[in-house]
PDB file of N, CA and C in Angstrom:
ATOM      1  N   MET A   1     105.313 109.653 123.798  1.00  0.00           N
ATOM      2  CA  MET A   1     105.663 108.489 124.999  1.00  0.00           C
ATOM      3  C   MET A   1     105.127 107.300 124.801  1.00  0.00           C
ATOM      4  N   SER A   2     105.752 105.872 124.858  1.00  0.00           N
ATOM      5  CA  SER A   2     105.273 104.486 125.345  1.00  0.00           C
ATOM      6  C   SER A   2     105.259 104.321 126.713  1.00  0.00           C
ATOM      7  N   GLU A   3     103.716 103.648 127.098  1.00  0.00           N
ATOM      8  CA  GLU A   3     103.779 103.319 128.501  1.00  0.00           C
ATOM      9  C   GLU A   3     105.125 103.015 129.201  1.00  0.00           C
ATOM     10  N   LEU A   4     105.722 101.696 128.490  1.00  0.00           N
ATOM     11  CA  LEU A   4     106.906 101.072 128.705  1.00  0.00           C
ATOM     12  C   LEU A   4     107.722 102.408 129.097  1.00  0.00           C
ATOM     13  N   GLU A   5     108.389 103.284 128.192  1.00  0.00           N
ATOM     14  CA  GLU A   5     109.639 104.124 128.665  1.00  0.00           C
ATOM     15  C   GLU A   5     108.626 105.359 129.554  1.00  0.00           C
ATOM     16  N   LEU A   6     107.822 105.491 129.693  1.00  0.00           N
ATOM     17  CA  LEU A   6     106.650 105.916 131.376  1.00  0.00           C
ATOM     18  C   LEU A   6     107.007 104.732 132.398  1.00  0.00           C
ATOM     19  N   ALA A   7     107.260 104.067 132.169  1.00  0.00           N
ATOM     20  CA  ALA A   7     107.275 103.184 133.337  1.00  0.00           C
ATOM     21  C   ALA A   7     108.716 102.599 133.888  1.00  0.00           C
ATOM     22  N   GLY A   8     109.811 102.983 133.180  1.00  0.00           N
ATOM     23  CA  GLY A   8     111.424 102.890 133.484  1.00  0.00           C
ATOM     24  C   GLY A   8     111.670 101.490 133.636  1.00  0.00           C
ATOM     25  N   SER A   9     112.587 101.492 133.788  1.00  0.00           N
ATOM     26  CA  SER A   9     113.454 100.064 133.594  1.00  0.00           C
ATOM     27  C   SER A   9     114.558 100.038 134.204  1.00  0.00           C
ATOM     28  N   GLY A  10     114.983  98.585 134.416  1.00  0.00           N
ATOM     29  CA  GLY A  10     116.298  98.568 134.984  1.00  0.00           C
ATOM     30  C   GLY A  10     116.365  98.351 136.561  1.00  0.00           C
ATOM     31  N   CYS A  11     117.731  98.618 136.954  1.00  0.00           N
ATOM     32  CA  CYS A  11     117.680  99.689 138.391  1.00  0.00           C
ATOM     33  C   CYS A  11     117.324 101.105 139.053  1.00  0.00           C
ATOM     34  N   SER A  12     116.231 101.367 138.110  1.00  0.00           N
ATOM     35  CA  SER A  12     116.097 102.913 138.343  1.00  0.00           C
ATOM     36  C   SER A  12     114.893 102.720 138.982  1.00  0.00           C
ATOM     37  N   LEU A  13     114.401 101.714 138.854  1.00  0.00           N
ATOM     38  CA  LEU A  13     112.790 101.288 139.590  1.00  0.00           C
ATOM     39  C   LEU A  13     113.188 101.167 141.195  1.00  0.00           C
ATOM     40  N   HIS A  14     114.464 100.851 141.603  1.00  0.00           N
ATOM     41  CA  HIS A  14     114.588 101.105 142.844  1.00  0.00           C
ATOM     42  C   HIS A  14     115.173 101.833 143.748  1.00  0.00           C
ATOM     43  N   GLU A  15     115.512 102.190 143.003  1.00  0.00           N
ATOM     44  CA  GLU A  15     116.431 103.789 143.578  1.00  0.00           C
ATOM     45  C   GLU A  15     115.521 104.756 143.816  1.00  0.00           C
ATOM     46  N   PRO A  16     115.419 105.066 145.532  1.00  0.00           N
ATOM     47  CA  PRO A  16     114.545 106.780 146.015  1.00  0.00           C
ATOM     48  C   PRO A  16     114.481 107.668 145.039  1.00  0.00           C
ATOM     49  N   TYR A  17     113.305 108.235 144.821  1.00  0.00           N
ATOM     50  CA  TYR A  17     113.433 109.507 144.139  1.00  0.00           C
ATOM     51  C   TYR A  17     111.986 110.417 144.997  1.00  0.00           C
ATOM     52  N   ALA A  18     112.366 112.008 144.120  1.00  0.00           N
ATOM     53  CA  ALA A  18     111.481 113.141 144.815  1.00  0.00           C
ATOM     54  C   ALA A  18     110.255 113.315 144.558  1.00  0.00           C
ATOM     55  N   LEU A  19     109.505 113.602 145.277  1.00  0.00           N
ATOM     56  CA  LEU A  19     108.477 114.548 144.598  1.00  0.00           C
ATOM     57  C   LEU A  19     107.846 115.486 145.268  1.00  0.00           C
ATOM     58  N   GLN A  20     107.386 116.288 144.674  1.00  0.00           N
ATOM     59  CA  GLN A  20     107.204 117.553 145.580  1.00  0.00           C
ATOM     60  C   GLN A  20     105.299 117.386 146.006  1.00  0.00           C
ATOM     61  N   VAL A  21     105.082 117.711 147.628  1.00  0.00           N
ATOM     62  CA  VAL A  21     103.432 117.969 147.456  1.00  0.00           C
ATOM     63  C   VAL A  21     102.671 118.956 147.062  1.00  0.00           C
ATOM     64  N   LEU A  22     101.777 118.750 146.399  1.00  0.00           N
ATOM     65  CA  LEU A  22     100.765 119.639 146.285  1.00  0.00           C
ATOM     66  C   LEU A  22      99.654 119.159 146.535  1.00  0.00           C
ATOM     67  N   GLY A  23      99.558 120.474 147.860  1.00  0.00           N
ATOM     68  CA  GLY A  23      97.896 120.446 148.571  1.00  0.00           C
ATOM     69  C   GLY A  23      98.415 119.977 149.916  1.00  0.00           C
ATOM     70  N   ASN A  24      97.267 120.692 150.467  1.00  0.00           N
ATOM     71  CA  ASN A  24      97.518 120.502 152.137  1.00  0.00           C
ATOM     72  C   ASN A  24      96.681 119.236 153.033  1.00  0.00           C
ATOM     73  N   GLU A  25      96.362 118.323 151.876  1.00  0.00           N
ATOM     74  CA  GLU A  25      95.954 117.344 152.485  1.00  0.00           C
ATOM     75  C   GLU A  25      96.692 116.504 153.769  1.00  0.00           C
ATOM     76  N   MET A  26      97.968 116.442 153.663  1.00  0.00           N
ATOM     77  CA  MET A  26      98.742 115.803 154.670  1.00  0.00           C
ATOM     78  C   MET A  26      99.847 116.824 155.589  1.00  0.00           C
ATOM     79  N   GLU A  27      99.065 117.991 155.669  1.00  0.00           N
ATOM     80  CA  GLU A  27      99.365 119.820 156.707  1.00  0.00           C
ATOM     81  C   GLU A  27      99.241 118.637 157.867  1.00  0.00           C
ATOM     82  N   PRO A  28     100.007 119.205 158.999  1.00  0.00           N
ATOM     83  CA  PRO A  28     100.906 119.889 159.268  1.00  0.00           C
ATOM     84  C   PRO A  28     102.530 119.146 159.051  1.00  0.00           C
ATOM     85  N   GLU A  29     102.538 118.166 158.785  1.00  0.00           N
ATOM     86  CA  GLU A  29     103.743 117.092 158.873  1.00  0.00           C
ATOM     87  C   GLU A  29     104.193 117.279 157.697  1.00  0.00           C
ATOM     88  N   PHE A  30     103.240 117.249 156.018  1.00  0.00           N
ATOM     89  CA  PHE A  30     104.063 117.954 154.735  1.00  0.00           C
ATOM     90  C   PHE A  30     103.234 118.876 154.356  1.00  0.00           C
ATOM     91  N   PRO A  31     103.939 120.370 154.626  1.00  0.00           N
ATOM     92  CA  PRO A  31     103.464 121.083 154.107  1.00  0.00           C
ATOM     93  C   PRO A  31     103.503 121.246 152.402  1.00  0.00           C
ATOM     94  N   ASP A  32     102.339 122.225 152.000  1.00  0.00           N
ATOM     95  CA  ASP A  32     102.115 122.253 150.262  1.00  0.00           C
ATOM     96  C   ASP A  32     103.643 122.513 149.867  1.00  0.00           C
ATOM     97  N   ARG A  33     104.155 122.035 148.807  1.00  0.00           N
ATOM     98  CA  ARG A  33     105.306 122.174 148.080  1.00  0.00           C
ATOM     99  C   ARG A  33     106.795 121.717 148.855  1.00  0.00           C
ATOM    100  N   CYS A  34     106.513 121.033 149.859  1.00  0.00           N
ATOM    101  CA  CYS A  34     107.419 120.130 150.448  1.00  0.00           C
ATOM    102  C   CYS A  34     107.967 119.285 149.749  1.00  0.00           C
ATOM    103  N   ILE A  35     109.213 118.818 149.569  1.00  0.00           N
ATOM    104  CA  ILE A  35     109.327 117.958 148.606  1.00  0.00           C
ATOM    105  C   ILE A  35     109.592 116.815 149.878  1.00  0.00           C
ATOM    106  N   VAL A  36     109.544 115.236 149.161  1.00  0.00           N
ATOM    107  CA  VAL A  36     109.653 114.336 150.016  1.00  0.00           C
ATOM    108  C   VAL A  36     110.444 112.926 149.480  1.00  0.00           C
ATOM    109  N   ILE A  37     111.058 112.247 149.535  1.00  0.00           N
ATOM    110  CA  ILE A  37     111.811 111.351 149.350  1.00  0.00           C
ATOM    111  C   ILE A  37     111.429 109.959 149.667  1.00  0.00           C
ATOM    112  N   ILE A  38     110.809 109.038 148.088  1.00  0.00           N
ATOM    113  CA  ILE A  38     110.070 108.020 148.300  1.00  0.00           C
ATOM    114  C   ILE A  38     110.987 106.467 147.757  1.00  0.00           C
ATOM    115  N   GLU A  39     110.997 105.808 148.964  1.00  0.00           N
ATOM    116  CA  GLU A  39     111.953 104.560 148.822  1.00  0.00           C
ATOM    117  C   GLU A  39     110.796 103.732 147.932  1.00  0.00           C
ATOM    118  N   PRO A  40     111.270 103.132 146.562  1.00  0.00           N
ATOM    119  CA  PRO A  40     109.750 102.177 146.363  1.00  0.00           C
ATOM    120  C   PRO A  40     110.052 100.879 146.766  1.00  0.00           C
ATOM    121  N   THR A  41     108.850 100.309 147.028  1.00  0.00           N
ATOM    122  CA  THR A  41     108.441  99.152 147.889  1.00  0.00           C
ATOM    123  C   THR A  41     106.943  98.800 147.854  1.00  0.00           C
ATOM    124  N   ASP A  42     106.416  97.591 147.691  1.00  0.00           N
ATOM    125  CA  ASP A  42     105.161  97.136 147.532  1.00  0.00           C
ATOM    126  C   ASP A  42     104.534  96.713 149.392  1.00  0.00           C
ATOM    127  N   GLN A  43     105.415  96.877 149.924  1.00  0.00           N
ATOM    128  CA  GLN A  43     105.063  96.721 151.305  1.00  0.00           C
ATOM    129  C   GLN A  43     105.279  98.076 152.553  1.00  0.00           C
ATOM    130  N   CYS A  44     104.233  98.249 153.012  1.00  0.00           N
ATOM    131  CA  CYS A  44     104.161  99.090 154.073  1.00  0.00           C
ATOM    132  C   CYS A  44     104.310  98.795 155.595  1.00  0.00           C
ATOM    133  N   PRO A  45     105.118  99.260 156.400  1.00  0.00           N
ATOM    134  CA  PRO A  45     104.217  98.947 158.011  1.00  0.00           C
ATOM    135  C   PRO A  45     102.851  99.780 158.620  1.00  0.00           C
ATOM    136  N   ASN A  46     102.310  99.154 159.713  1.00  0.00           N
ATOM    137  CA  ASN A  46     101.546  99.999 159.640  1.00  0.00           C
ATOM    138  C   ASN A  46     101.655 101.352 160.253  1.00  0.00           C
ATOM    139  N   HIS A  47     101.004 102.682 159.721  1.00  0.00           N
ATOM    140  CA  HIS A  47     101.015 103.952 160.270  1.00  0.00           C
ATOM    141  C   HIS A  47     102.549 104.946 158.915  1.00  0.00           C
ATOM    142  N   ALA A  48     102.680 103.857 158.747  1.00  0.00           N
ATOM    143  CA  ALA A  48     104.064 104.700 157.568  1.00  0.00           C
ATOM    144  C   ALA A  48     103.167 105.482 156.379  1.00  0.00           C
ATOM    145  N   PHE A  49     104.022 106.729 156.014  1.00  0.00           N
ATOM    146  CA  PHE A  49     103.377 107.650 154.949  1.00  0.00           C
ATOM    147  C   PHE A  49     103.628 107.105 154.016  1.00  0.00           C
ATOM    148  N   VAL A  50     102.870 106.915 152.826  1.00  0.00           N
ATOM    149  CA  VAL A  50     102.997 105.979 151.392  1.00  0.00           C
ATOM    150  C   VAL A  50     102.642 106.844 150.733  1.00  0.00           C
ATOM    151  N   PHE A  51     103.231 106.347 149.134  1.00  0.00           N
ATOM    152  CA  PHE A  51     102.870 106.827 147.650  1.00  0.00           C
ATOM    153  C   PHE A  51     102.261 105.097 147.513  1.00  0.00           C
ATOM    154  N   ALA A  52     100.717 105.946 147.336  1.00  0.00           N
ATOM    155  CA  ALA A  52      99.518 104.417 146.479  1.00  0.00           C
ATOM    156  C   ALA A  52      99.484 104.651 145.405  1.00  0.00           C
ATOM    157  N   ASP A  53      98.645 103.857 144.838  1.00  0.00           N
ATOM    158  CA  ASP A  53      97.875 103.664 143.422  1.00  0.00           C
ATOM    159  C   ASP A  53      96.583 103.048 144.180  1.00  0.00           C
ATOM    160  N   VAL A  54      95.273 103.872 144.038  1.00  0.00           N
ATOM    161  CA  VAL A  54      94.127 102.989 144.468  1.00  0.00           C
ATOM    162  C   VAL A  54      93.486 103.059 143.154  1.00  0.00           C
ATOM    163  N   GLU A  55      93.171 102.064 142.666  1.00  0.00           N
ATOM    164  CA  GLU A  55      91.990 102.292 141.708  1.00  0.00           C
ATOM    165  C   GLU A  55      92.814 103.249 140.283  1.00  0.00           C
ATOM    166  N   GLY A  56      93.944 103.459 140.027  1.00  0.00           N
ATOM    167  CA  GLY A  56      94.401 104.117 138.926  1.00  0.00           C
ATOM    168  C   GLY A  56      94.763 105.186 139.401  1.00  0.00           C
ATOM    169  N   VAL A  57      94.793 106.261 140.481  1.00  0.00           N
ATOM    170  CA  VAL A  57      94.821 107.275 141.342  1.00  0.00           C
ATOM    171  C   VAL A  57      95.533 107.209 142.116  1.00  0.00           C
ATOM    172  N   ARG A  58      96.943 108.154 142.172  1.00  0.00           N
ATOM    173  CA  ARG A  58      97.955 107.745 142.916  1.00  0.00           C
ATOM    174  C   ARG A  58      97.608 108.963 144.466  1.00  0.00           C
ATOM    175  N   TRP A  59      97.608 108.519 145.328  1.00  0.00           N
ATOM    176  CA  TRP A  59      98.176 108.955 146.320  1.00  0.00           C
ATOM    177  C   TRP A  59      98.812 109.133 147.657  1.00  0.00           C
ATOM    178  N   PHE A  60      99.281 110.439 148.196  1.00  0.00           N
ATOM    179  CA  PHE A  60     100.455 110.572 149.408  1.00  0.00           C
ATOM    180  C   PHE A  60      99.233 110.278 150.548  1.00  0.00           C
ATOM    181  N   ARG A  61      99.516 109.523 151.328  1.00  0.00           N
ATOM    182  CA  ARG A  61      98.895 109.371 152.531  1.00  0.00           C
ATOM    183  C   ARG A  61      99.627 108.644 153.660  1.00  0.00           C
ATOM    184  N   GLN A  62      98.544 108.166 154.740  1.00  0.00           N
ATOM    185  CA  GLN A  62      99.651 107.648 155.801  1.00  0.00           C
ATOM    186  C   GLN A  62      98.616 106.320 156.189  1.00  0.00           C
ATOM    187  N   TYR A  63      99.324 105.180 155.768  1.00  0.00           N
ATOM    188  CA  TYR A  63      98.503 103.705 155.839  1.00  0.00           C
ATOM    189  C   TYR A  63      98.042 103.563 157.053  1.00  0.00           C
ATOM    190  N   ALA A  64      96.882 102.784 157.428  1.00  0.00           N
ATOM    191  CA  ALA A  64      96.360 102.399 158.658  1.00  0.00           C
ATOM    192  C   ALA A  64      96.132 101.235 158.773  1.00  0.00           C
ATOM    193  N   ARG A  65      96.532 100.433 159.660  1.00  0.00           N
ATOM    194  CA  ARG A  65      95.326  99.281 159.815  1.00  0.00           C
ATOM    195  C   ARG A  65      95.204  99.160 160.976  1.00  0.00           C
ATOM    196  N   ASP A  66      93.767  98.448 161.183  1.00  0.00           N
ATOM    197  CA  ASP A  66      93.653  98.592 162.488  1.00  0.00           C
ATOM    198  C   ASP A  66      93.252  96.854 163.112  1.00  0.00           C
ATOM    199  N   ALA A  67      93.198  96.917 164.173  1.00  0.00           N
ATOM    200  CA  ALA A  67      93.440  95.756 165.047  1.00  0.00           C
ATOM    201  C   ALA A  67      92.368  94.407 164.033  1.00  0.00           C
ATOM    202  N   ALA A  68      91.183  94.807 163.751  1.00  0.00           N
ATOM    203  CA  ALA A  68      90.193  93.983 162.746  1.00  0.00           C
ATOM    204  C   ALA A  68      91.334  93.232 161.679  1.00  0.00           C
ATOM    205  N   GLY A  69      92.410  94.375 161.222  1.00  0.00           N
ATOM    206  CA  GLY A  69      92.690  94.489 159.852  1.00  0.00           C
ATOM    207  C   GLY A  69      92.014  95.020 158.711  1.00  0.00           C
ATOM    208  N   LYS A  70      91.521  96.480 158.799  1.00  0.00           N
ATOM    209  CA  LYS A  70      90.649  97.300 157.868  1.00  0.00           C
ATOM    210  C   LYS A  70      91.497  98.077 158.088  1.00  0.00           C
ATOM    211  N   GLU A  71      92.009  98.078 156.420  1.00  0.00           N
ATOM    212  CA  GLU A  71      92.624  99.006 156.193  1.00  0.00           C
ATOM    213  C   GLU A  71      92.813 100.578 155.530  1.00  0.00           C
ATOM    214  N   ARG A  72      93.305 101.701 155.580  1.00  0.00           N
ATOM    215  CA  ARG A  72      92.625 102.799 154.926  1.00  0.00           C
ATOM    216  C   ARG A  72      94.079 104.071 154.170  1.00  0.00           C
ATOM    217  N   LEU A  73      94.040 104.479 153.939  1.00  0.00           N
ATOM    218  CA  LEU A  73      94.773 105.079 153.805  1.00  0.00           C
ATOM    219  C   LEU A  73      94.549 106.719 154.170  1.00  0.00           C
ATOM    220  N   VAL A  74      95.065 107.582 155.174  1.00  0.00           N
ATOM    221  CA  VAL A  74      94.372 108.581 156.056  1.00  0.00           C
ATOM    222  C   VAL A  74      95.653 109.769 155.373  1.00  0.00           C
ATOM    223  N   ALA A  75      94.617 110.889 155.569  1.00  0.00           N
ATOM    224  CA  ALA A  75      95.176 112.615 155.299  1.00  0.00           C
ATOM    225  C   ALA A  75      95.167 112.632 156.340  1.00  0.00           C
ATOM    226  N   LEU A  76      96.670 113.593 156.690  1.00  0.00           N
ATOM    227  CA  LEU A  76      96.353 114.167 158.449  1.00  0.00           C
ATOM    228  C   LEU A  76      95.516 115.421 158.575  1.00  0.00           C
ATOM    229  N   ASN A  77      95.327 116.611 157.350  1.00  0.00           N
ATOM    230  CA  ASN A  77      94.583 117.106 157.725  1.00  0.00           C
ATOM    231  C   ASN A  77      93.035 116.765 157.670  1.00  0.00           C
ATOM    232  N   ALA A  78      92.233 116.928 158.411  1.00  0.00           N
ATOM    233  CA  ALA A  78      90.793 115.970 158.955  1.00  0.00           C
ATOM    234  C   ALA A  78      89.919 116.697 158.100  1.00  0.00           C
ATOM    235  N   LEU A  79      90.426 117.591 157.481  1.00  0.00           N
ATOM    236  CA  LEU A  79      89.224 118.262 156.335  1.00  0.00           C
ATOM    237  C   LEU A  79      88.932 117.408 155.257  1.00  0.00           C
ATOM    238  N   TYR A  80      90.265 116.294 155.211  1.00  0.00           N
ATOM    239  CA  TYR A  80      89.884 115.292 154.209  1.00  0.00           C
ATOM    240  C   TYR A  80      89.800 113.786 154.513  1.00  0.00           C
ATOM    241  N   PRO A  81      88.669 113.278 154.134  1.00  0.00           N
ATOM    242  CA  PRO A  81      88.124 111.777 154.335  1.00  0.00           C
ATOM    243  C   PRO A  81      89.180 110.637 154.119  1.00  0.00           C
ATOM    244  N   ASP A  82      88.927 109.634 154.899  1.00  0.00           N
ATOM    245  CA  ASP A  82      90.081 108.337 154.768  1.00  0.00           C
ATOM    246  C   ASP A  82      89.655 108.256 153.696  1.00  0.00           C
ATOM    247  N   ILE A  83      90.492 106.666 152.981  1.00  0.00           N
ATOM    248  CA  ILE A  83      89.924 106.308 151.650  1.00  0.00           C
ATOM    249  C   ILE A  83      89.844 104.745 152.176  1.00  0.00           C
ATOM    250  N   GLU A  84      89.153 104.502 152.589  1.00  0.00           N
ATOM    251  CA  GLU A  84      88.361 102.740 152.713  1.00  0.00           C
ATOM    252  C   GLU A  84      88.928 101.890 151.627  1.00  0.00           C
ATOM    253  N   LEU A  85      90.085 101.016 151.822  1.00  0.00           N
ATOM    254  CA  LEU A  85      90.798  99.967 150.816  1.00  0.00           C
ATOM    255  C   LEU A  85      89.995  98.971 150.413  1.00  0.00           C
ATOM    256  N   GLU A  86      89.252  98.585 151.406  1.00  0.00           N
ATOM    257  CA  GLU A  86      88.188  97.400 151.310  1.00  0.00           C
ATOM    258  C   GLU A  86      87.300  97.208 149.746  1.00  0.00           C
ATOM    259  N   GLY A  87      87.930  96.053 149.431  1.00  0.00           N
ATOM    260  CA  GLY A  87      87.285  95.898 148.033  1.00  0.00           C
ATOM    261  C   GLY A  87      87.858  97.012 146.855  1.00  0.00           C
ATOM    262  N   LEU A  88      88.887  97.670 147.143  1.00  0.00           N
ATOM    263  CA  LEU A  88      89.779  98.254 146.020  1.00  0.00           C
ATOM    264  C   LEU A  88      90.653  97.586 145.632  1.00  0.00           C
ATOM    265  N   ALA A  89      91.144  98.064 144.205  1.00  0.00           N
ATOM    266  CA  ALA A  89      92.365  97.480 143.311  1.00  0.00           C
ATOM    267  C   ALA A  89      93.757  98.389 144.123  1.00  0.00           C
ATOM    268  N   TRP A  90      94.285  98.295 144.522  1.00  0.00           N
ATOM    269  CA  TRP A  90      95.476  98.837 145.618  1.00  0.00           C
ATOM    270  C   TRP A  90      96.687  98.549 145.601  1.00  0.00           C
ATOM    271  N   SER A  91      97.767  99.378 145.276  1.00  0.00           N
ATOM    272  CA  SER A  91      98.958  98.700 145.903  1.00  0.00           C
ATOM    273  C   SER A  91      99.366 100.294 146.441  1.00  0.00           C
ATOM    274  N   VAL A  92     100.992  99.734 147.301  1.00  0.00           N
ATOM    275  CA  VAL A  92     101.867 100.346 147.505  1.00  0.00           C
ATOM    276  C   VAL A  92     102.729 100.814 146.405  1.00  0.00           C
ATOM    277  N   LEU A  93     103.161 102.050 146.252  1.00  0.00           N
ATOM    278  CA  LEU A  93     104.271 102.178 145.402  1.00  0.00           C
ATOM    279  C   LEU A  93     105.545 102.500 146.169  1.00  0.00           C
ATOM    280  N   GLY A  94     105.394 103.301 147.168  1.00  0.00           N
ATOM    281  CA  GLY A  94     106.702 103.550 147.571  1.00  0.00           C
ATOM    282  C   GLY A  94     106.566 104.155 148.816  1.00  0.00           C
ATOM    283  N   VAL A  95     107.266 104.176 150.389  1.00  0.00           N
ATOM    284  CA  VAL A  95     106.994 105.051 151.549  1.00  0.00           C
ATOM    285  C   VAL A  95     108.116 105.979 151.427  1.00  0.00           C
ATOM    286  N   ILE A  96     107.292 106.795 152.339  1.00  0.00           N
ATOM    287  CA  ILE A  96     108.647 108.251 151.974  1.00  0.00           C
ATOM    288  C   ILE A  96     109.348 108.583 153.284  1.00  0.00           C
ATOM    289  N   ILE A  97     110.875 108.493 153.341  1.00  0.00           N
ATOM    290  CA  ILE A  97     111.756 108.084 153.582  1.00  0.00           C
ATOM    291  C   ILE A  97     112.573 109.889 154.217  1.00  0.00           C
ATOM    292  N   GLN A  98     112.175 110.768 153.362  1.00  0.00           N
ATOM    293  CA  GLN A  98     112.422 111.914 154.066  1.00  0.00           C
ATOM    294  C   GLN A  98     111.743 112.574 153.785  1.00  0.00           C
ATOM    295  N   ARG A  99     111.204 114.103 154.305  1.00  0.00           N
ATOM    296  CA  ARG A  99     111.061 115.228 154.210  1.00  0.00           C
ATOM    297  C   ARG A  99     112.249 116.012 153.792  1.00  0.00           C
ATOM    298  N   ASN A 100     111.633 117.141 153.158  1.00  0.00           N
ATOM    299  CA  ASN A 100     112.497 118.716 153.038  1.00  0.00           C
ATOM    300  C   ASN A 100     111.888 119.699 153.002  1.00  0.00           C
ATOM    301  N   ILE A 101     111.902 120.567 153.635  1.00  0.00           N
ATOM    302  CA  ILE A 101     111.411 122.049 154.122  1.00  0.00           C
ATOM    303  C   ILE A 101     111.861 123.009 154.044  1.00  0.00           C
ATOM    304  N   ARG A 102     112.341 123.839 153.040  1.00  0.00           N
ATOM    305  CA  ARG A 102     113.360 125.135 152.779  1.00  0.00           C
ATOM    306  C   ARG A 102     114.643 124.159 153.432  1.00  0.00           C
ATOM    307  N   ARG A 103     115.146 123.458 153.089  1.00  0.00           N
ATOM    308  CA  ARG A 103     116.833 122.995 153.507  1.00  0.00           C
ATOM    309  C   ARG A 103     116.648 122.060 155.111  1.00  0.00           C
ATOM    310  N   GLN A 104     115.461 122.310 155.550  1.00  0.00           N
ATOM    311  CA  GLN A 104     115.290 121.287 156.895  1.00  0.00           C
ATOM    312  C   GLN A 104     114.600 119.964 156.322  1.00  0.00           C
ATOM    313  N   VAL A 105     115.364 119.105 156.690  1.00  0.00           N
ATOM    314  CA  VAL A 105     115.155 117.600 156.246  1.00  0.00           C
ATOM    315  C   VAL A 105     114.725 116.923 157.278  1.00  0.00           C
ATOM    316  N   LYS A 106     114.222 116.061 157.571  1.00  0.00           N
ATOM    317  CA  LYS A 106     113.880 115.008 158.309  1.00  0.00           C
ATOM    318  C   LYS A 106     113.368 113.474 157.914  1.00  0.00           C
ATOM    319  N   HIS A 107     114.059 112.485 158.239  1.00  0.00           N
ATOM    320  CA  HIS A 107     114.150 111.177 158.155  1.00  0.00           C
ATOM    321  C   HIS A 107     113.041 110.683 158.830  1.00  0.00           C
ATOM    322  N   TYR A 108     112.594 110.099 157.864  1.00  0.00           N
ATOM    323  CA  TYR A 108     111.804 108.407 158.865  1.00  0.00           C
ATOM    324  C   TYR A 108     111.974 107.202 158.587  1.00  0.00           C
ATOM    325  N   ASP A 109     112.169 106.535 159.511  1.00  0.00           N
ATOM    326  CA  ASP A 109     112.453 105.233 159.985  1.00  0.00           C
ATOM    327  C   ASP A 109     111.449 104.531 160.420  1.00  0.00           C
ATOM    328  N   TYR A 110     110.906 103.403 159.402  1.00  0.00           N
ATOM    329  CA  TYR A 110     109.631 102.570 160.072  1.00  0.00           C
ATOM    330  C   TYR A 110     109.931 101.054 160.521  1.00  0.00           C
ATOM    331  N   THR A 111     111.172 100.944 160.988  1.00  0.00           N
ATOM    332  CA  THR A 111     111.888  99.815 162.145  1.00  0.00           C
ATOM    333  C   THR A 111     111.000  99.629 163.185  1.00  0.00           C
ATOM    334  N   GLN A 112     110.742 100.582 163.802  1.00  0.00           N
ATOM    335  CA  GLN A 112     110.060 100.828 165.017  1.00  0.00           C
ATOM    336  C   GLN A 112     109.323 101.081 164.581  1.00  0.00           C
ATOM    337  N   GLN A 113     108.032  99.997 166.043  1.00  0.00           N
ATOM    338  CA  GLN A 113     106.514 100.149 165.932  1.00  0.00           C
ATOM    339  C   GLN A 113     105.993 101.795 165.958  1.00  0.00           C
ATOM    340  N   PRO A 114     105.396 102.738 166.374  1.00  0.00           N
ATOM    341  CA  PRO A 114     105.154 103.854 166.209  1.00  0.00           C
ATOM    342  C   PRO A 114     104.165 103.869 167.305  1.00  0.00           C
ATOM    343  N   SER A 115     103.902 104.464 168.373  1.00  0.00           N
ATOM    344  CA  SER A 115     103.100 104.433 169.298  1.00  0.00           C
ATOM    345  C   SER A 115     102.014 105.191 169.373  1.00  0.00           C
ATOM    346  N   SER A 116     101.692 106.215 168.412  1.00  0.00           N
ATOM    347  CA  SER A 116     100.550 107.041 167.736  1.00  0.00           C
ATOM    348  C   SER A 116     100.481 107.097 166.668  1.00  0.00           C
ATOM    349  N   ARG A 117      99.118 107.877 166.096  1.00  0.00           N
ATOM    350  CA  ARG A 117      98.741 107.480 164.603  1.00  0.00           C
ATOM    351  C   ARG A 117      99.848 108.299 162.978  1.00  0.00           C
ATOM    352  N   THR A 118     100.575 109.470 163.868  1.00  0.00           N
ATOM    353  CA  THR A 118     101.565 110.132 163.052  1.00  0.00           C
ATOM    354  C   THR A 118     103.094 109.696 163.180  1.00  0.00           C
ATOM    355  N   ALA A 119     102.616 108.873 164.674  1.00  0.00           N
ATOM    356  CA  ALA A 119     104.362 108.828 164.800  1.00  0.00           C
ATOM    357  C   ALA A 119     105.225 108.140 163.856  1.00  0.00           C
ATOM    358  N   ALA A 120     106.551 108.457 163.700  1.00  0.00           N
ATOM    359  CA  ALA A 120     107.273 107.610 162.768  1.00  0.00           C
ATOM    360  C   ALA A 120     108.826 108.432 163.791  1.00  0.00           C
ATOM    361  N   LYS A 121     109.800 107.537 163.613  1.00  0.00           N
ATOM    362  CA  LYS A 121     111.198 108.129 164.129  1.00  0.00           C
ATOM    363  C   LYS A 121     111.501 109.238 162.967  1.00  0.00           C
ATOM    364  N   ILE A 122     111.737 109.899 163.824  1.00  0.00           N
ATOM    365  CA  ILE A 122     112.378 111.504 163.379  1.00  0.00           C
ATOM    366  C   ILE A 122     113.621 112.113 163.284  1.00  0.00           C
ATOM    367  N   THR A 123     114.283 112.042 162.554  1.00  0.00           N
ATOM    368  CA  THR A 123     115.667 112.528 162.888  1.00  0.00           C
ATOM    369  C   THR A 123     115.813 113.818 162.082  1.00  0.00           C
ATOM    370  N   ASP A 124     116.052 114.665 162.647  1.00  0.00           N
ATOM    371  CA  ASP A 124     116.592 116.532 162.327  1.00  0.00           C
ATOM    372  C   ASP A 124     118.131 116.552 162.069  1.00  0.00           C
ATOM    373  N   LEU A 125     118.446 116.584 160.423  1.00  0.00           N
ATOM    374  CA  LEU A 125     119.860 116.636 160.006  1.00  0.00           C
ATOM    375  C   LEU A 125     120.342 117.489 160.410  1.00  0.00           C
ATOM    376  N   THR A 126     119.503 118.733 160.499  1.00  0.00           N
ATOM    377  CA  THR A 126     120.199 120.319 160.345  1.00  0.00           C
ATOM    378  C   THR A 126     120.666 120.731 161.541  1.00  0.00           C
ATOM    379  N   GLY A 127     120.176 119.895 162.639  1.00  0.00           N
ATOM    380  CA  GLY A 127     120.976 120.444 163.930  1.00  0.00           C
ATOM    381  C   GLY A 127     120.332 121.681 164.675  1.00  0.00           C
ATOM    382  N   GLN A 128     118.850 121.935 164.344  1.00  0.00           N
ATOM    383  CA  GLN A 128     118.002 122.798 164.720  1.00  0.00           C
ATOM    384  C   GLN A 128     117.169 122.591 165.465  1.00  0.00           C
TER     385      GLN A 128
END
């Protein structure tokens, strides 16, 4: 396949897509093997869960920007270090808008400012 074929084209580049989380870096909110839905965008609010490209490597992390404007990508699992973004070539590929763990679905809405590091408005559609 050519690079163009892998990149995609047309309307499909703007449609949400699903990926499976591999690893424990974002536990407990996003356990290994859960499914996330990503909405393609190149922007994200502070504390959004993002799919990002940093120096050619793709990461699923939480975006954080402090009062001084310093940006980093944060793993929710404290065993993993933050990725400091200053001086690096990086871009947001999309924000996580949904999580599915064994048919239990949660939606993430970033229109309201979260009050804590891992906060986002979460709606449980399973009724459980």
